[in-house]
Amino acid sequence: MLKPTVGINPYYFKYDDSFWNGTKEKCFRVVWFAGGVPFTLHHPSCGEITNHIARLDKNR
């Protein structure tokens, strides 16, 4: 059975001159327990998301 890939767009907060991912674990767990595969969309550069999705599809 194929599982849907669900992209989660995180929010960031600045702390100690850095940006930190503030997405709650609950967001990932909800997707996982609903039968999906959570996928964090971190500042995608050109083609990065497509490459990750292609790798996930290849491993199905």
C-alpha atoms as a PDB file:
ATOM      1  CA  MET A   1       0.000   0.000   0.000  1.00  0.00           C
ATOM      2  CA  LEU A   2       1.316   3.428  -0.935  1.00  0.00           C
ATOM      3  CA  LYS A   3       1.260   6.098   1.741  1.00  0.00           C
ATOM      4  CA  PRO A   4       0.621   9.737   0.851  1.00  0.00           C
ATOM      5  CA  THR A   5       3.503  12.138   1.374  1.00  0.00           C
ATOM      6  CA  VAL A   6       2.325  15.203   3.307  1.00  0.00           C
ATOM      7  CA  GLY A   7       4.497  18.309   3.267  1.00  0.00           C
ATOM      8  CA  ILE A   8       4.563  20.316   6.493  1.00  0.00           C
ATOM      9  CA  ASN A   9       5.569  23.940   6.121  1.00  0.00           C
ATOM     10  CA  PRO A  10       7.327  24.735   9.409  1.00  0.00           C
ATOM     11  CA  TYR A  11       7.495  28.039  11.162  1.00  0.00           C
ATOM     12  CA  TYR A  12      10.788  29.377  12.449  1.00  0.00           C
ATOM     13  CA  PHE A  13      11.735  31.541  15.368  1.00  0.00           C
ATOM     14  CA  LYS A  14      14.920  33.448  15.968  1.00  0.00           C
ATOM     15  CA  TYR A  15      16.970  32.416  18.988  1.00  0.00           C
ATOM     16  CA  ASP A  16      20.585  33.226  19.725  1.00  0.00           C
ATOM     17  CA  ASP A  17      21.261  34.634  16.212  1.00  0.00           C
ATOM     18  CA  SER A  18      19.885  31.486  14.541  1.00  0.00           C
ATOM     19  CA  PHE A  19      16.526  30.363  13.196  1.00  0.00           C
ATOM     20  CA  TRP A  20      14.959  27.286  14.790  1.00  0.00           C
ATOM     21  CA  ASN A  21      12.152  25.070  13.532  1.00  0.00           C
ATOM     22  CA  GLY A  22       9.213  25.601  15.880  1.00  0.00           C
ATOM     23  CA  THR A  23       6.881  22.986  14.411  1.00  0.00           C
ATOM     24  CA  LYS A  24       5.272  20.846  17.093  1.00  0.00           C
ATOM     25  CA  GLU A  25       5.829  17.105  17.110  1.00  0.00           C
ATOM     26  CA  LYS A  26       2.048  16.673  17.153  1.00  0.00           C
ATOM     27  CA  CYS A  27       1.868  17.862  13.542  1.00  0.00           C
ATOM     28  CA  PHE A  28       4.146  15.045  12.407  1.00  0.00           C
ATOM     29  CA  ARG A  29       2.432  12.425  14.585  1.00  0.00           C
ATOM     30  CA  VAL A  30      -1.027  13.282  13.251  1.00  0.00           C
ATOM     31  CA  VAL A  31       0.117  12.714   9.676  1.00  0.00           C
ATOM     32  CA  TRP A  32       1.947   9.496  10.603  1.00  0.00           C
ATOM     33  CA  PHE A  33      -0.938   7.976  12.568  1.00  0.00           C
ATOM     34  CA  ALA A  34      -3.368   8.900   9.782  1.00  0.00           C
ATOM     35  CA  GLY A  35      -1.304   6.733   7.425  1.00  0.00           C
ATOM     36  CA  GLY A  36       0.805   9.392   5.728  1.00  0.00           C
ATOM     37  CA  VAL A  37       4.490  10.186   5.591  1.00  0.00           C
ATOM     38  CA  PRO A  38       5.272  13.644   7.042  1.00  0.00           C
ATOM     39  CA  PHE A  39       7.800  15.660   5.074  1.00  0.00           C
ATOM     40  CA  THR A  40       9.283  18.918   6.373  1.00  0.00           C
ATOM     41  CA  LEU A  41       9.701  21.607   3.733  1.00  0.00           C
ATOM     42  CA  HIS A  42      12.862  23.418   4.872  1.00  0.00           C
ATOM     43  CA  HIS A  43      13.789  26.461   2.770  1.00  0.00           C
ATOM     44  CA  PRO A  44      13.689  24.549  -0.535  1.00  0.00           C
ATOM     45  CA  SER A  45      16.279  25.480  -3.090  1.00  0.00           C
ATOM     46  CA  CYS A  46      15.791  24.936  -6.796  1.00  0.00           C
ATOM     47  CA  GLY A  47      14.689  21.334  -7.391  1.00  0.00           C
ATOM     48  CA  GLU A  48      15.323  20.168  -3.823  1.00  0.00           C
ATOM     49  CA  ILE A  49      11.734  19.120  -3.070  1.00  0.00           C
ATOM     50  CA  THR A  50      11.428  17.306  -6.403  1.00  0.00           C
ATOM     51  CA  ASN A  51      14.617  15.363  -5.659  1.00  0.00           C
ATOM     52  CA  HIS A  52      13.378  14.286  -2.217  1.00  0.00           C
ATOM     53  CA  ILE A  53      10.008  13.173  -3.592  1.00  0.00           C
ATOM     54  CA  ALA A  54      11.725  11.209  -6.359  1.00  0.00           C
ATOM     55  CA  ARG A  55      13.827   9.385  -3.743  1.00  0.00           C
ATOM     56  CA  LEU A  56      10.731   8.568  -1.688  1.00  0.00           C
ATOM     57  CA  ASP A  57       8.899   7.280  -4.770  1.00  0.00           C
ATOM     58  CA  LYS A  58      11.899   5.155  -5.734  1.00  0.00           C
ATOM     59  CA  ASN A  59      11.883   3.385  -2.365  1.00  0.00           C
ATOM     60  CA  ARG A  60       8.213   2.392  -2.472  1.00  0.00           C
END
